[in-house]
Amino acid sequence: MYRELIALGARSFIAQKVAANSRRWWRNSGGSLNAVLNLAWFNRLGLPRLS
């Protein structure tokens, strides 16, 4: 998970923080993970927006 987040452009300490709490996705989604998986990332995947 750490390597994937680094490949997505996350800073080292953010990737480390998210990888350490890998079983707490809800908690990670509130802050650190939003910095990496932002709207631009979802747009590149071609996912439609719900709002």
N, C-alpha and C. Protein backbone atom coordinates (compact mmCIF):
# COMPACT_ATOMS: atom_id res chain seq x y z
N MET A 1 0.82 -1.18 0.00
CA MET A 1 0.00 0.00 0.00
C MET A 1 0.87 1.25 0.00
N TYR A 2 1.94 1.20 0.75
CA TYR A 2 2.85 2.35 0.82
C TYR A 2 3.41 2.67 -0.56
N ARG A 3 3.89 1.67 -1.26
CA ARG A 3 4.47 1.89 -2.59
C ARG A 3 3.45 2.41 -3.58
N GLU A 4 2.23 1.92 -3.51
CA GLU A 4 1.18 2.39 -4.42
C GLU A 4 0.85 3.86 -4.17
N LEU A 5 0.77 4.25 -2.93
CA LEU A 5 0.48 5.64 -2.59
C LEU A 5 1.62 6.57 -3.02
N ILE A 6 2.85 6.11 -2.87
CA ILE A 6 3.99 6.90 -3.33
C ILE A 6 3.93 7.05 -4.85
N ALA A 7 3.56 5.98 -5.55
CA ALA A 7 3.44 6.04 -7.01
C ALA A 7 2.34 6.99 -7.45
N LEU A 8 1.31 7.15 -6.63
CA LEU A 8 0.22 8.07 -6.94
C LEU A 8 0.58 9.52 -6.63
N GLY A 9 1.73 9.73 -5.99
CA GLY A 9 2.17 11.09 -5.72
C GLY A 9 2.04 11.52 -4.28
N ALA A 10 1.76 10.61 -3.38
CA ALA A 10 1.64 10.95 -1.97
C ALA A 10 3.02 11.22 -1.39
N ARG A 11 3.07 12.12 -0.42
CA ARG A 11 4.32 12.34 0.29
C ARG A 11 4.59 11.15 1.21
N SER A 12 5.83 10.98 1.55
CA SER A 12 6.26 9.80 2.29
C SER A 12 5.53 9.65 3.63
N PHE A 13 5.41 10.74 4.38
CA PHE A 13 4.78 10.62 5.70
C PHE A 13 3.28 10.35 5.61
N ILE A 14 2.63 10.85 4.56
CA ILE A 14 1.20 10.56 4.37
C ILE A 14 1.00 9.10 4.00
N ALA A 15 1.82 8.59 3.08
CA ALA A 15 1.72 7.19 2.68
C ALA A 15 1.99 6.27 3.85
N GLN A 16 2.94 6.63 4.68
CA GLN A 16 3.27 5.83 5.86
C GLN A 16 2.12 5.83 6.85
N LYS A 17 1.51 6.97 7.04
CA LYS A 17 0.39 7.10 7.98
C LYS A 17 -0.82 6.28 7.53
N VAL A 18 -1.13 6.34 6.24
CA VAL A 18 -2.28 5.58 5.72
C VAL A 18 -1.99 4.09 5.74
N ALA A 19 -0.78 3.70 5.35
CA ALA A 19 -0.43 2.28 5.33
C ALA A 19 -0.43 1.68 6.74
N ALA A 20 -0.09 2.46 7.74
CA ALA A 20 -0.08 1.96 9.12
C ALA A 20 -1.49 1.68 9.61
N ASN A 21 -2.48 2.40 9.08
CA ASN A 21 -3.88 2.20 9.47
C ASN A 21 -4.66 1.56 8.33
N SER A 22 -4.12 0.53 7.73
CA SER A 22 -4.71 -0.05 6.53
C SER A 22 -6.08 -0.67 6.77
N ARG A 23 -6.43 -0.99 7.99
CA ARG A 23 -7.73 -1.59 8.26
C ARG A 23 -8.77 -0.56 8.70
N ARG A 24 -8.38 0.68 8.72
CA ARG A 24 -9.29 1.76 9.15
C ARG A 24 -9.55 2.71 7.99
N TRP A 25 -10.19 2.22 6.94
CA TRP A 25 -10.41 3.02 5.74
C TRP A 25 -11.29 4.23 6.01
N TRP A 26 -12.28 4.08 6.87
CA TRP A 26 -13.17 5.20 7.16
C TRP A 26 -12.40 6.33 7.82
N ARG A 27 -11.54 5.99 8.75
CA ARG A 27 -10.74 7.02 9.43
C ARG A 27 -9.74 7.66 8.47
N ASN A 28 -9.11 6.88 7.63
CA ASN A 28 -8.15 7.41 6.66
C ASN A 28 -8.81 8.30 5.63
N SER A 29 -10.04 8.00 5.28
CA SER A 29 -10.70 8.76 4.22
C SER A 29 -11.00 10.19 4.64
N GLY A 30 -11.03 10.46 5.92
CA GLY A 30 -11.35 11.79 6.40
C GLY A 30 -10.29 12.84 6.17
N GLY A 31 -9.07 12.46 5.92
CA GLY A 31 -8.02 13.46 5.80
C GLY A 31 -6.91 13.08 4.85
N SER A 32 -6.06 12.20 5.31
CA SER A 32 -4.84 11.88 4.58
C SER A 32 -5.10 11.28 3.21
N LEU A 33 -6.04 10.39 3.14
CA LEU A 33 -6.30 9.72 1.87
C LEU A 33 -6.94 10.66 0.85
N ASN A 34 -7.68 11.64 1.32
CA ASN A 34 -8.27 12.63 0.41
C ASN A 34 -7.21 13.47 -0.28
N ALA A 35 -6.06 13.63 0.33
CA ALA A 35 -4.99 14.39 -0.28
C ALA A 35 -4.41 13.66 -1.49
N VAL A 36 -4.47 12.34 -1.49
CA VAL A 36 -3.91 11.55 -2.58
C VAL A 36 -4.97 11.20 -3.61
N LEU A 37 -6.09 10.69 -3.15
CA LEU A 37 -7.17 10.28 -4.04
C LEU A 37 -8.18 11.41 -4.17
N ASN A 38 -7.79 12.45 -4.88
CA ASN A 38 -8.64 13.63 -5.03
C ASN A 38 -9.51 13.51 -6.29
N LEU A 39 -10.22 14.57 -6.64
CA LEU A 39 -11.12 14.53 -7.79
C LEU A 39 -10.38 14.28 -9.10
N ALA A 40 -9.18 14.78 -9.22
CA ALA A 40 -8.41 14.55 -10.45
C ALA A 40 -8.13 13.07 -10.65
N TRP A 41 -7.88 12.35 -9.56
CA TRP A 41 -7.61 10.92 -9.66
C TRP A 41 -8.85 10.18 -10.15
N PHE A 42 -10.02 10.53 -9.62
CA PHE A 42 -11.26 9.89 -10.04
C PHE A 42 -11.61 10.27 -11.48
N ASN A 43 -11.29 11.49 -11.89
CA ASN A 43 -11.53 11.90 -13.28
C ASN A 43 -10.67 11.09 -14.25
N ARG A 44 -9.43 10.81 -13.86
CA ARG A 44 -8.56 9.99 -14.72
C ARG A 44 -9.10 8.58 -14.88
N LEU A 45 -9.81 8.08 -13.88
CA LEU A 45 -10.41 6.76 -13.98
C LEU A 45 -11.66 6.75 -14.86
N GLY A 46 -12.20 7.94 -15.12
CA GLY A 46 -13.39 8.05 -15.95
C GLY A 46 -14.68 7.80 -15.20
N LEU A 47 -14.65 7.94 -13.89
CA LEU A 47 -15.86 7.72 -13.09
C LEU A 47 -16.77 8.94 -13.14
N PRO A 48 -18.08 8.73 -13.26
CA PRO A 48 -18.99 9.87 -13.28
C PRO A 48 -19.14 10.48 -11.87
N ARG A 49 -19.42 11.75 -11.84
CA ARG A 49 -19.66 12.42 -10.56
C ARG A 49 -21.11 12.23 -10.15
N LEU A 50 -21.33 12.11 -8.88
CA LEU A 50 -22.67 11.90 -8.36
C LEU A 50 -23.35 13.20 -7.99
N SER A 51 -22.60 14.28 -7.99
CA SER A 51 -23.22 15.56 -7.64
C SER A 51 -23.18 16.52 -8.79
